[in-house]
Amino acid sequence: MMERRRSLRAATKGHPLFTQRYVPPIHTLNSSGESTGGSSEGSMDLCSTSLAAATTVATVVTPPPVTTPFGYILHAMEHDAKWRQERGVGRAVGMYRIHGEIGTGNFARVRLGVHQLLKERVAVKIVDKARVEPKLEKMWNREVATLDSLHHPNIMRLYEVLETPWKLYLISEWAPAGDLYAKVTLRGRLTERETRPIFTQILSALTFMHGNGVVHRDLKAENIFFSTSTHCKVGDFGFATMCHKGQLLSTFCGSPPYAAPELFRDDHYEGAPVDIWALGVLLYFMLEGCLPFVANSIPSLKAAILTGVYELSPGTSDDGTSLLAGILQQRPRSRFTLSTILRHGWLRHIRRQDTTALLLPAITNRALSTQLPTHSQVSNRLLSAPEMSALNALTSLGVAPTSLDQYRAQGVRSAVGGVYRILLHKYQQGLPISETLFQQVATSPTGKKGGKKLHDADEFDVDGSSEKPPQGLHVPTTSRLLRKQVAYDDVQHSTTCVIL
């Protein structure tokens, strides 16, 4: 065994891809997290397909040779006792080692994960199947399908979906710089100069969503995440749904402080204006450091929203005041549209700012596709430069191009696809694929005796007793909003709930 490690180490010394990790070709896992059969997911309708129906037996693909990085990690996952033990106690799933909690919600908890071949930190959203009622199942399927179909620089990127007999796992990109709620509550109101690039990025994501027939229905500060201090992304698509222009919806959902008046007043509503109202609440929250409508109870909050009276600081610019007034209109038909907002005078300064804001980039789903390429696309050289780079990296890890079609059929549940999506995302962002010494792959996947730790994130204890979050990680805060203290807990923390 040691001789094989030495020879493989010599053959791959200095290889630039040895940060990558293994992705099992089959994806339904047993209670210990071990592969038991194939699963595949085709294009899922946003409204649903049951979890059982989404899992079908797929063609078993011959695994890469053990002499390749991919094959070696696959072999280690099956035979390394420590790795198997961690899967059994919930500290690992698929190719991911799971660490401390970084967020919670009404239906799921989110933990930090590390892909053990690529060494990439990810967010792992975990749902206990014992709590999966039809309503939650529908939300889960919506979130998976929406994230899988929307590829935009300001929308959280989905990497992979896994399932064991007891839990569901959604693997997405990690936002190390926290969320908008923490940013504002910890440091206070933002200046208009600071607010513009953030607002513009949210506007960019929302325009892209609506252009693809998707409404979010749960825009709030807690769902705006920062990958860097200036680059933000919209996440948490559990309430998202398909909705075309003129179509009326009847499910009242979201967070009460961000709810549009028509959600309280009417039996049906249009989806896009509801998102635009929430965008206005977000703008107010950034500029004022608090929410525009506050109350001690839901009935009082409803009355405040239907009245539509809010206060602005004296220093707010005329353009800022005008933009808020146009967005926070009581009647949906009178409310600014996204195109009107984009043309508003308040945003004319954005082009003169030294910022990383993305002004409605001219991209399509094809330009940021995260699906594995087909063998035909590879043969006919139809791939973009980032796609080609990601494919070459995948091939160097041991995945044969001739097997791509079989992995592609598994959709977001393909572990090979998960590796490809992470690689592609890094290349699209212009990020380097970090170089790792071979012993990080050739030793126990847990990074114990015999080699370096796999990643600095592996230093965290995951039993919950001595857990410490990495620097920059958002930790729930007890700080109150600066200008107004909200007694009603649901209002202060914008807890997601269904409005009855």
Protein backbone atom coordinates (compact mmCIF):
# COMPACT_ATOMS: atom_id res chain seq x y z
CA MET A 1 0.00 0.00 0.00
CA MET A 2 2.81 2.40 0.95
CA GLU A 3 4.68 1.49 -2.23
CA ARG A 4 1.62 2.37 -4.31
CA ARG A 5 1.32 5.68 -2.51
CA ARG A 6 4.99 6.49 -3.19
CA SER A 7 4.72 5.69 -6.89
CA LEU A 8 1.49 7.65 -7.28
CA ARG A 9 2.95 10.55 -5.34
CA ALA A 10 5.99 10.62 -7.61
CA ALA A 11 3.87 10.45 -10.75
CA THR A 12 1.68 13.35 -9.72
CA LYS A 13 4.12 15.55 -7.83
CA GLY A 14 3.40 19.21 -8.44
CA HIS A 15 0.09 18.53 -10.15
CA PRO A 16 -1.97 21.75 -9.88
CA LEU A 17 -5.27 19.97 -9.37
CA PHE A 18 -4.55 18.20 -6.15
CA THR A 19 -6.98 20.24 -4.19
CA GLN A 20 -9.85 18.47 -5.78
CA ARG A 21 -11.92 15.82 -4.22
CA TYR A 22 -13.67 12.65 -5.15
CA VAL A 23 -17.27 12.44 -6.21
CA PRO A 24 -18.98 9.05 -6.05
CA PRO A 25 -20.73 8.11 -9.28
CA ILE A 26 -23.77 6.80 -7.48
CA HIS A 27 -25.84 8.82 -5.16
CA THR A 28 -28.47 7.16 -3.01
CA LEU A 29 -26.79 6.50 0.34
CA ASN A 30 -27.59 4.11 3.14
CA SER A 31 -27.83 5.03 6.81
CA SER A 32 -24.04 5.09 7.09
CA GLY A 33 -23.76 7.36 4.11
CA GLU A 34 -22.47 4.58 1.84
CA SER A 35 -23.46 4.16 -1.78
CA THR A 36 -26.23 1.66 -2.37
CA GLY A 37 -27.42 2.44 -5.87
CA GLY A 38 -27.81 5.05 -8.55
CA SER A 39 -30.05 8.04 -8.45
CA SER A 40 -30.90 10.50 -11.09
CA GLU A 41 -32.76 13.69 -11.36
CA GLY A 42 -33.90 15.15 -14.61
CA SER A 43 -35.42 18.55 -15.05
CA MET A 44 -37.66 18.99 -12.04
CA ASP A 45 -40.83 21.03 -12.18
CA LEU A 46 -40.62 23.86 -9.66
CA CYS A 47 -43.93 22.85 -8.16
CA SER A 48 -42.89 19.51 -7.28
CA THR A 49 -42.05 15.92 -8.10
CA SER A 50 -41.85 13.85 -4.93
CA LEU A 51 -38.51 12.92 -3.45
CA ALA A 52 -39.13 9.29 -4.20
CA ALA A 53 -39.99 10.03 -7.80
CA ALA A 54 -36.87 12.14 -8.18
CA THR A 55 -34.68 9.17 -7.31
CA THR A 56 -34.34 6.48 -9.93
CA VAL A 57 -31.77 3.83 -10.57
CA ALA A 58 -29.05 5.07 -12.92
CA THR A 59 -26.51 3.19 -14.97
CA VAL A 60 -23.52 2.29 -12.81
CA VAL A 61 -20.42 3.92 -14.26
CA THR A 62 -17.06 2.20 -14.01
CA PRO A 63 -15.11 4.14 -11.36
CA PRO A 64 -11.83 5.85 -12.28
CA PRO A 65 -8.64 3.83 -11.70
CA VAL A 66 -7.31 3.95 -8.17
CA THR A 67 -4.07 5.38 -9.58
CA THR A 68 -5.87 8.66 -10.30
CA PRO A 69 -6.68 11.27 -7.64
CA PHE A 70 -10.41 10.74 -8.15
CA GLY A 71 -10.15 6.97 -8.01
CA TYR A 72 -7.87 7.02 -5.02
CA ILE A 73 -10.24 9.13 -2.97
CA LEU A 74 -13.13 6.92 -4.04
CA HIS A 75 -11.21 3.88 -2.83
CA ALA A 76 -10.35 5.62 0.44
CA MET A 77 -13.99 6.53 1.05
CA GLU A 78 -15.00 2.90 0.75
CA HIS A 79 -12.18 1.44 2.84
CA ASP A 80 -10.90 4.07 5.28
CA ALA A 81 -12.29 3.22 8.73
CA LYS A 82 -12.20 6.79 10.02
CA TRP A 83 -14.11 8.11 7.04
CA ARG A 84 -16.76 5.40 7.39
CA GLN A 85 -17.07 6.18 11.09
CA GLU A 86 -17.61 9.88 10.43
CA ARG A 87 -20.31 9.10 7.89
CA GLY A 88 -22.01 6.91 10.45
CA VAL A 89 -22.22 9.71 13.03
CA GLY A 90 -23.22 12.44 10.57
CA ARG A 91 -19.85 14.16 10.32
CA ALA A 92 -19.51 13.35 6.64
CA VAL A 93 -21.77 12.71 3.68
CA GLY A 94 -20.73 11.86 0.15
CA MET A 95 -17.46 13.67 -0.53
CA TYR A 96 -18.04 16.28 2.17
CA ARG A 97 -16.83 16.49 5.72
CA ILE A 98 -19.33 18.42 7.85
CA HIS A 99 -18.34 20.98 10.47
CA GLY A 100 -20.01 23.58 12.65
CA GLU A 101 -23.43 25.15 12.28
CA ILE A 102 -23.51 28.44 10.36
CA GLY A 103 -27.25 29.05 10.21
CA THR A 104 -30.69 27.76 11.13
CA GLY A 105 -34.18 28.13 9.77
CA ASN A 106 -37.69 26.95 10.45
CA PHE A 107 -37.19 23.77 8.46
CA ALA A 108 -33.44 23.18 8.13
CA ARG A 109 -30.03 23.88 9.56
CA VAL A 110 -26.95 24.90 7.62
CA ARG A 111 -23.46 23.67 8.43
CA LEU A 112 -20.04 24.34 7.00
CA GLY A 113 -18.70 21.56 4.80
CA VAL A 114 -15.40 20.84 3.06
CA HIS A 115 -15.15 18.86 -0.18
CA GLN A 116 -12.41 16.38 0.52
CA LEU A 117 -10.93 16.26 -2.97
CA LEU A 118 -11.16 19.93 -3.98
CA LYS A 119 -10.78 21.31 -0.44
CA GLU A 120 -13.53 23.80 -1.18
CA ARG A 121 -15.65 25.11 1.68
CA VAL A 122 -19.36 24.79 1.02
CA ALA A 123 -22.67 25.39 2.78
CA VAL A 124 -24.54 22.18 3.63
CA LYS A 125 -28.27 22.64 4.16
CA ILE A 126 -29.65 19.67 6.10
CA VAL A 127 -33.28 18.63 6.45
CA ASP A 128 -34.38 15.81 8.73
CA LYS A 129 -36.64 13.48 6.76
CA ALA A 130 -38.73 12.85 9.86
CA ARG A 131 -39.94 16.46 9.49
CA VAL A 132 -40.57 16.28 5.76
CA GLU A 133 -44.29 16.83 5.35
CA PRO A 134 -45.77 17.40 1.86
CA LYS A 135 -45.47 21.17 2.24
CA LEU A 136 -41.78 21.00 3.20
CA GLU A 137 -41.10 18.46 0.48
CA LYS A 138 -42.57 20.86 -2.07
CA MET A 139 -40.40 23.70 -0.76
CA TRP A 140 -37.28 21.53 -0.94
CA ASN A 141 -37.97 20.50 -4.52
CA ARG A 142 -38.67 24.10 -5.48
CA GLU A 143 -35.39 25.28 -4.01
CA VAL A 144 -33.39 22.55 -5.74
CA ALA A 145 -35.08 23.09 -9.10
CA THR A 146 -34.81 26.88 -8.92
CA LEU A 147 -31.16 26.98 -7.93
CA ASP A 148 -30.37 24.37 -10.57
CA SER A 149 -31.99 26.49 -13.29
CA LEU A 150 -30.78 29.99 -12.36
CA HIS A 151 -27.10 30.67 -12.91
CA HIS A 152 -26.16 34.26 -12.19
CA PRO A 153 -23.25 35.99 -10.40
CA ASN A 154 -25.64 37.33 -7.75
CA ILE A 155 -27.55 34.12 -7.07
CA MET A 156 -26.20 31.41 -4.78
CA ARG A 157 -24.73 28.53 -6.77
CA LEU A 158 -25.98 24.97 -6.22
CA TYR A 159 -23.33 22.25 -6.38
CA GLU A 160 -24.93 18.98 -5.42
CA VAL A 161 -27.86 17.25 -3.70
CA LEU A 162 -27.46 14.13 -1.56
CA GLU A 163 -29.91 11.93 0.29
CA THR A 164 -29.62 9.25 2.98
CA PRO A 165 -32.48 7.29 4.54
CA TRP A 166 -32.64 9.89 7.30
CA LYS A 167 -31.62 13.24 5.86
CA LEU A 168 -31.58 15.47 2.78
CA TYR A 169 -28.51 17.53 1.93
CA LEU A 170 -28.29 20.56 -0.36
CA ILE A 171 -24.70 21.55 -1.11
CA SER A 172 -24.21 25.13 -2.28
CA GLU A 173 -21.52 27.76 -2.32
CA TRP A 174 -20.52 29.21 1.03
CA ALA A 175 -20.77 32.93 1.73
CA PRO A 176 -17.92 33.57 4.19
CA ALA A 177 -18.68 37.27 4.66
CA GLY A 178 -22.06 36.73 6.34
CA ASP A 179 -25.46 38.17 5.44
CA LEU A 180 -26.97 41.62 5.03
CA TYR A 181 -28.90 41.45 8.30
CA ALA A 182 -25.69 40.91 10.28
CA LYS A 183 -23.83 43.55 8.28
CA VAL A 184 -26.36 46.27 9.05
CA THR A 185 -27.26 45.33 12.62
CA LEU A 186 -23.62 45.05 13.66
CA ARG A 187 -22.32 48.26 12.09
CA GLY A 188 -25.42 50.37 11.63
CA ARG A 189 -26.99 52.12 8.66
CA LEU A 190 -25.06 52.26 5.41
CA THR A 191 -24.30 55.39 3.45
CA GLU A 192 -25.97 55.80 0.08
CA ARG A 193 -22.60 55.22 -1.57
CA GLU A 194 -22.23 51.91 0.29
CA THR A 195 -25.83 50.92 -0.39
CA ARG A 196 -25.85 51.44 -4.16
CA PRO A 197 -23.58 48.53 -5.19
CA ILE A 198 -25.40 46.12 -2.87
CA PHE A 199 -28.81 47.26 -4.04
CA THR A 200 -27.70 47.06 -7.68
CA GLN A 201 -26.56 43.46 -7.29
CA ILE A 202 -29.86 42.44 -5.70
CA LEU A 203 -31.65 44.28 -8.50
CA SER A 204 -29.52 42.39 -11.04
CA ALA A 205 -30.41 39.01 -9.52
CA LEU A 206 -34.10 39.89 -9.25
CA THR A 207 -34.25 41.08 -12.86
CA PHE A 208 -32.66 37.81 -13.99
CA MET A 209 -35.09 35.75 -11.90
CA HIS A 210 -38.18 37.54 -13.16
CA GLY A 211 -36.87 37.36 -16.71
CA ASN A 212 -36.79 33.59 -16.32
CA GLY A 213 -40.30 33.42 -14.86
CA VAL A 214 -39.24 32.91 -11.23
CA VAL A 215 -40.41 34.96 -8.24
CA HIS A 216 -38.55 34.65 -4.94
CA ARG A 217 -41.29 35.59 -2.41
CA ASP A 218 -38.92 35.68 0.55
CA LEU A 219 -36.50 38.52 -0.09
CA LYS A 220 -35.14 39.77 3.21
CA ALA A 221 -31.82 40.84 4.69
CA GLU A 222 -31.17 37.37 6.12
CA ASN A 223 -31.34 35.91 2.60
CA ILE A 224 -28.77 38.26 1.06
CA PHE A 225 -25.35 36.66 1.48
CA PHE A 226 -21.86 38.06 0.94
CA SER A 227 -19.14 36.00 -0.73
CA THR A 228 -16.80 38.97 -0.20
CA SER A 229 -17.28 42.25 1.62
CA THR A 230 -18.74 43.79 -1.55
CA HIS A 231 -20.14 40.91 -3.62
CA CYS A 232 -23.60 39.75 -2.54
CA LYS A 233 -25.90 36.95 -3.64
CA VAL A 234 -29.57 36.11 -3.19
CA GLY A 235 -30.22 32.76 -1.53
CA ASP A 236 -32.88 30.60 0.14
CA PHE A 237 -35.34 29.78 -2.64
CA GLY A 238 -37.72 27.64 -0.58
CA PHE A 239 -40.72 29.88 -1.38
CA ALA A 240 -39.74 30.54 -5.00
CA THR A 241 -42.18 29.59 -7.73
CA MET A 242 -42.75 29.96 -11.45
CA CYS A 243 -44.94 32.95 -12.22
CA HIS A 244 -45.41 34.63 -15.58
CA LYS A 245 -46.57 38.18 -16.21
CA GLY A 246 -50.23 38.62 -15.33
CA GLN A 247 -50.47 35.30 -13.51
CA LEU A 248 -52.05 35.48 -10.05
CA LEU A 249 -50.80 33.56 -7.02
CA SER A 250 -52.74 32.64 -3.91
CA THR A 251 -50.16 31.24 -1.47
CA PHE A 252 -49.30 33.87 1.10
CA CYS A 253 -45.76 33.29 2.28
CA GLY A 254 -42.63 35.12 3.33
CA SER A 255 -41.61 37.31 6.26
CA PRO A 256 -44.25 39.72 7.64
CA PRO A 257 -42.03 42.84 7.84
CA TYR A 258 -41.25 42.48 4.12
CA ALA A 259 -44.81 41.61 3.05
CA ALA A 260 -46.45 43.80 0.42
CA PRO A 261 -49.86 45.36 1.24
CA GLU A 262 -51.69 43.11 -1.24
CA LEU A 263 -50.63 40.04 0.75
CA PHE A 264 -52.72 41.35 3.65
CA ARG A 265 -55.46 42.91 1.57
CA ASP A 266 -56.23 40.68 -1.43
CA ASP A 267 -57.06 37.03 -2.08
CA HIS A 268 -54.65 36.83 -5.01
CA TYR A 269 -51.54 38.73 -6.02
CA GLU A 270 -48.97 39.09 -8.79
CA GLY A 271 -45.55 37.72 -7.91
CA ALA A 272 -43.20 40.34 -9.35
CA PRO A 273 -44.63 43.40 -7.50
CA VAL A 274 -44.37 41.49 -4.20
CA ASP A 275 -40.64 40.95 -4.77
CA ILE A 276 -40.24 44.61 -5.75
CA TRP A 277 -41.92 45.78 -2.52
CA ALA A 278 -39.50 43.59 -0.54
CA LEU A 279 -36.64 45.14 -2.52
CA GLY A 280 -37.85 48.55 -1.30
CA VAL A 281 -37.90 47.31 2.30
CA LEU A 282 -34.31 46.10 1.84
CA LEU A 283 -33.30 49.50 0.49
CA TYR A 284 -34.87 51.24 3.49
CA PHE A 285 -33.20 48.76 5.87
CA MET A 286 -29.76 49.55 4.43
CA LEU A 287 -30.24 53.31 4.44
CA GLU A 288 -31.92 53.62 7.84
CA GLY A 289 -30.55 50.66 9.80
CA CYS A 290 -34.06 49.46 10.65
CA LEU A 291 -37.26 48.26 9.01
CA PRO A 292 -39.81 50.78 7.68
CA PHE A 293 -42.83 49.13 9.29
CA VAL A 294 -42.58 47.81 12.84
CA ALA A 295 -45.11 46.69 15.43
CA ASN A 296 -45.58 44.52 18.49
CA SER A 297 -47.95 42.09 16.81
CA ILE A 298 -48.96 40.85 13.38
CA PRO A 299 -52.30 42.77 13.39
CA SER A 300 -50.46 45.99 14.27
CA LEU A 301 -47.82 45.29 11.62
CA LYS A 302 -50.55 44.70 9.05
CA ALA A 303 -52.12 48.06 9.91
CA ALA A 304 -48.74 49.81 9.62
CA ILE A 305 -48.02 48.30 6.19
CA LEU A 306 -51.51 49.09 4.88
CA THR A 307 -51.14 52.67 6.10
CA GLY A 308 -47.80 52.92 4.30
CA VAL A 309 -46.32 55.68 6.45
CA TYR A 310 -42.58 55.49 7.15
CA GLU A 311 -39.90 57.92 8.33
CA LEU A 312 -36.67 58.87 6.58
CA SER A 313 -33.60 60.52 8.06
CA PRO A 314 -33.17 64.20 7.13
CA GLY A 315 -29.91 63.43 5.31
CA THR A 316 -31.50 61.11 2.74
CA SER A 317 -30.97 62.44 -0.78
CA ASP A 318 -33.88 63.56 -2.95
CA ASP A 319 -33.15 60.71 -5.38
CA GLY A 320 -33.12 58.18 -2.54
CA THR A 321 -36.41 59.53 -1.19
CA SER A 322 -37.95 59.43 -4.66
CA LEU A 323 -36.83 55.86 -5.31
CA LEU A 324 -38.24 54.58 -2.02
CA ALA A 325 -41.53 56.38 -2.61
CA GLY A 326 -41.84 54.79 -6.04
CA ILE A 327 -41.12 51.27 -4.79
CA LEU A 328 -43.19 51.37 -1.60
CA GLN A 329 -46.44 52.16 -3.39
CA GLN A 330 -49.59 50.61 -1.91
CA ARG A 331 -51.05 49.52 -5.26
CA PRO A 332 -49.00 46.98 -7.28
CA ARG A 333 -49.85 48.69 -10.58
CA SER A 334 -48.50 52.01 -9.25
CA ARG A 335 -45.28 50.46 -7.95
CA PHE A 336 -42.02 50.98 -9.85
CA THR A 337 -41.06 48.13 -12.16
CA LEU A 338 -37.53 46.74 -12.20
CA SER A 339 -36.75 48.55 -15.45
CA THR A 340 -37.99 51.84 -13.96
CA ILE A 341 -35.78 51.31 -10.93
CA LEU A 342 -32.77 50.61 -13.13
CA ARG A 343 -33.28 53.91 -14.97
CA HIS A 344 -33.81 55.93 -11.78
CA GLY A 345 -31.52 58.85 -11.06
CA TRP A 346 -30.37 57.34 -7.75
CA LEU A 347 -28.44 54.67 -9.66
CA ARG A 348 -26.70 56.98 -12.11
CA HIS A 349 -23.74 57.31 -9.71
CA ILE A 350 -23.05 53.59 -9.64
CA ARG A 351 -21.00 53.67 -12.83
CA ARG A 352 -18.62 56.21 -11.33
CA GLN A 353 -17.96 54.23 -8.20
CA ASP A 354 -14.97 52.03 -7.56
CA THR A 355 -17.02 48.94 -6.81
CA THR A 356 -17.37 45.29 -7.75
CA ALA A 357 -21.11 45.64 -8.30
CA LEU A 358 -22.41 43.79 -11.33
CA LEU A 359 -24.73 45.99 -13.36
CA LEU A 360 -27.18 43.59 -14.94
CA PRO A 361 -24.51 41.54 -16.73
CA ALA A 362 -25.46 40.38 -20.20
CA ILE A 363 -25.42 36.67 -19.44
CA THR A 364 -27.64 33.72 -20.17
CA ASN A 365 -28.09 30.37 -18.49
CA ARG A 366 -25.98 28.89 -21.25
CA ALA A 367 -23.13 31.29 -20.53
CA LEU A 368 -23.05 30.13 -16.91
CA SER A 369 -24.29 26.59 -17.38
CA THR A 370 -23.36 24.24 -14.56
CA GLN A 371 -24.41 21.04 -16.28
CA LEU A 372 -21.76 18.53 -17.26
CA PRO A 373 -21.05 18.90 -20.98
CA THR A 374 -22.17 16.13 -23.30
CA HIS A 375 -19.63 14.02 -25.16
CA SER A 376 -20.94 15.61 -28.37
CA GLN A 377 -20.31 19.14 -27.06
CA VAL A 378 -16.77 18.15 -26.16
CA SER A 379 -16.12 16.51 -29.54
CA ASN A 380 -17.48 19.49 -31.46
CA ARG A 381 -15.64 22.02 -29.27
CA LEU A 382 -18.79 23.86 -28.23
CA LEU A 383 -17.57 24.72 -24.73
CA SER A 384 -16.65 28.11 -23.32
CA ALA A 385 -13.15 28.69 -21.95
CA PRO A 386 -14.18 28.14 -18.28
CA GLU A 387 -16.12 25.01 -19.23
CA MET A 388 -13.14 23.64 -21.11
CA SER A 389 -10.82 24.38 -18.19
CA ALA A 390 -13.18 22.65 -15.75
CA LEU A 391 -13.49 19.65 -18.06
CA ASN A 392 -9.71 19.38 -18.43
CA ALA A 393 -9.38 19.52 -14.65
CA LEU A 394 -12.01 16.81 -14.27
CA THR A 395 -10.23 14.63 -16.83
CA SER A 396 -6.91 15.11 -15.01
CA LEU A 397 -8.57 13.81 -11.88
CA GLY A 398 -9.44 10.57 -13.64
CA VAL A 399 -12.95 11.06 -15.08
CA ALA A 400 -13.07 9.80 -18.67
CA PRO A 401 -14.77 12.18 -21.15
CA THR A 402 -16.61 9.20 -22.64
CA SER A 403 -18.48 8.71 -19.35
CA LEU A 404 -19.80 12.29 -19.14
CA ASP A 405 -23.21 11.49 -20.62
CA GLN A 406 -23.86 8.86 -17.95
CA TYR A 407 -22.90 11.21 -15.13
CA ARG A 408 -24.90 14.04 -16.72
CA ALA A 409 -28.04 11.89 -16.62
CA GLN A 410 -27.85 11.97 -12.81
CA GLY A 411 -28.23 15.74 -12.85
CA VAL A 412 -27.65 17.61 -9.63
CA ARG A 413 -27.41 14.30 -7.77
CA SER A 414 -24.22 13.34 -9.59
CA ALA A 415 -21.12 13.55 -7.44
CA VAL A 416 -18.97 13.92 -10.54
CA GLY A 417 -21.26 16.77 -11.51
CA GLY A 418 -20.66 18.28 -8.07
CA VAL A 419 -16.91 18.36 -8.67
CA TYR A 420 -17.44 19.84 -12.13
CA ARG A 421 -19.76 22.56 -10.79
CA ILE A 422 -17.27 23.62 -8.13
CA LEU A 423 -14.39 23.67 -10.60
CA LEU A 424 -16.46 25.57 -13.16
CA HIS A 425 -17.55 28.13 -10.59
CA LYS A 426 -13.95 28.81 -9.62
CA TYR A 427 -12.87 29.20 -13.24
CA GLN A 428 -15.82 31.49 -13.99
CA GLN A 429 -14.78 33.71 -11.10
CA GLY A 430 -11.18 33.68 -12.27
CA LEU A 431 -10.07 31.98 -9.07
CA PRO A 432 -7.02 29.69 -9.09
CA ILE A 433 -7.32 25.98 -8.43
CA SER A 434 -5.13 25.73 -5.37
CA GLU A 435 -2.19 23.35 -5.33
CA THR A 436 -2.00 20.70 -2.63
CA LEU A 437 0.78 18.31 -1.64
CA PHE A 438 -0.05 14.76 -2.61
CA GLN A 439 0.06 13.41 0.93
CA GLN A 440 -3.14 15.34 1.56
CA VAL A 441 -4.85 12.93 -0.81
CA ALA A 442 -2.74 9.84 -0.26
CA THR A 443 -3.30 9.59 3.48
CA SER A 444 -6.43 9.07 5.49
CA PRO A 445 -9.17 11.31 4.07
CA THR A 446 -9.60 12.78 7.51
CA GLY A 447 -6.12 14.27 7.38
CA LYS A 448 -4.87 12.46 10.44
CA LYS A 449 -1.57 10.64 10.96
CA GLY A 450 0.56 10.34 7.84
CA GLY A 451 0.04 13.72 6.19
CA LYS A 452 -1.07 17.30 6.53
CA LYS A 453 -4.56 18.30 7.46
CA LEU A 454 -6.78 18.41 4.42
CA HIS A 455 -7.86 21.98 5.08
CA ASP A 456 -7.66 24.50 7.85
CA ALA A 457 -11.42 24.09 8.27
CA ASP A 458 -10.75 20.52 9.41
CA GLU A 459 -9.42 21.89 12.68
CA PHE A 460 -12.93 22.54 13.89
CA ASP A 461 -14.50 20.06 16.19
CA VAL A 462 -17.88 18.95 14.91
CA ASP A 463 -19.45 17.46 17.97
CA GLY A 464 -20.78 20.86 18.95
CA SER A 465 -18.89 21.04 22.23
CA SER A 466 -15.81 23.07 21.35
CA GLU A 467 -16.88 24.42 18.02
CA LYS A 468 -15.51 27.77 16.92
CA PRO A 469 -16.59 29.40 13.69
CA PRO A 470 -13.91 30.47 11.21
CA GLN A 471 -13.06 34.15 10.95
CA GLY A 472 -15.67 36.10 9.04
CA LEU A 473 -18.38 33.53 9.60
CA HIS A 474 -21.76 34.98 10.48
CA VAL A 475 -22.77 34.18 14.05
CA PRO A 476 -26.31 35.09 15.12
CA THR A 477 -26.19 38.35 16.98
CA THR A 478 -28.27 39.74 19.81
CA SER A 479 -27.69 43.31 18.64
CA ARG A 480 -30.85 45.30 18.07
CA LEU A 481 -31.66 47.46 15.10
CA LEU A 482 -30.21 50.89 15.67
CA ARG A 483 -33.00 53.40 15.22
CA LYS A 484 -35.99 51.40 16.38
CA GLN A 485 -36.13 48.59 18.88
CA VAL A 486 -38.65 46.02 17.84
CA ALA A 487 -40.32 44.18 20.66
CA TYR A 488 -42.06 41.63 18.48
CA ASP A 489 -39.49 38.87 17.93
CA ASP A 490 -40.81 37.75 14.56
CA VAL A 491 -40.57 41.29 13.26
CA GLN A 492 -37.11 41.97 14.62
CA HIS A 493 -35.56 38.83 13.18
CA SER A 494 -37.78 38.60 10.11
CA THR A 495 -38.54 34.96 10.77
CA THR A 496 -40.02 33.29 7.73
CA CYS A 497 -43.60 32.28 8.21
CA VAL A 498 -46.72 31.74 6.21
CA ILE A 499 -49.20 34.59 6.40
CA LEU A 500 -52.65 33.25 7.02
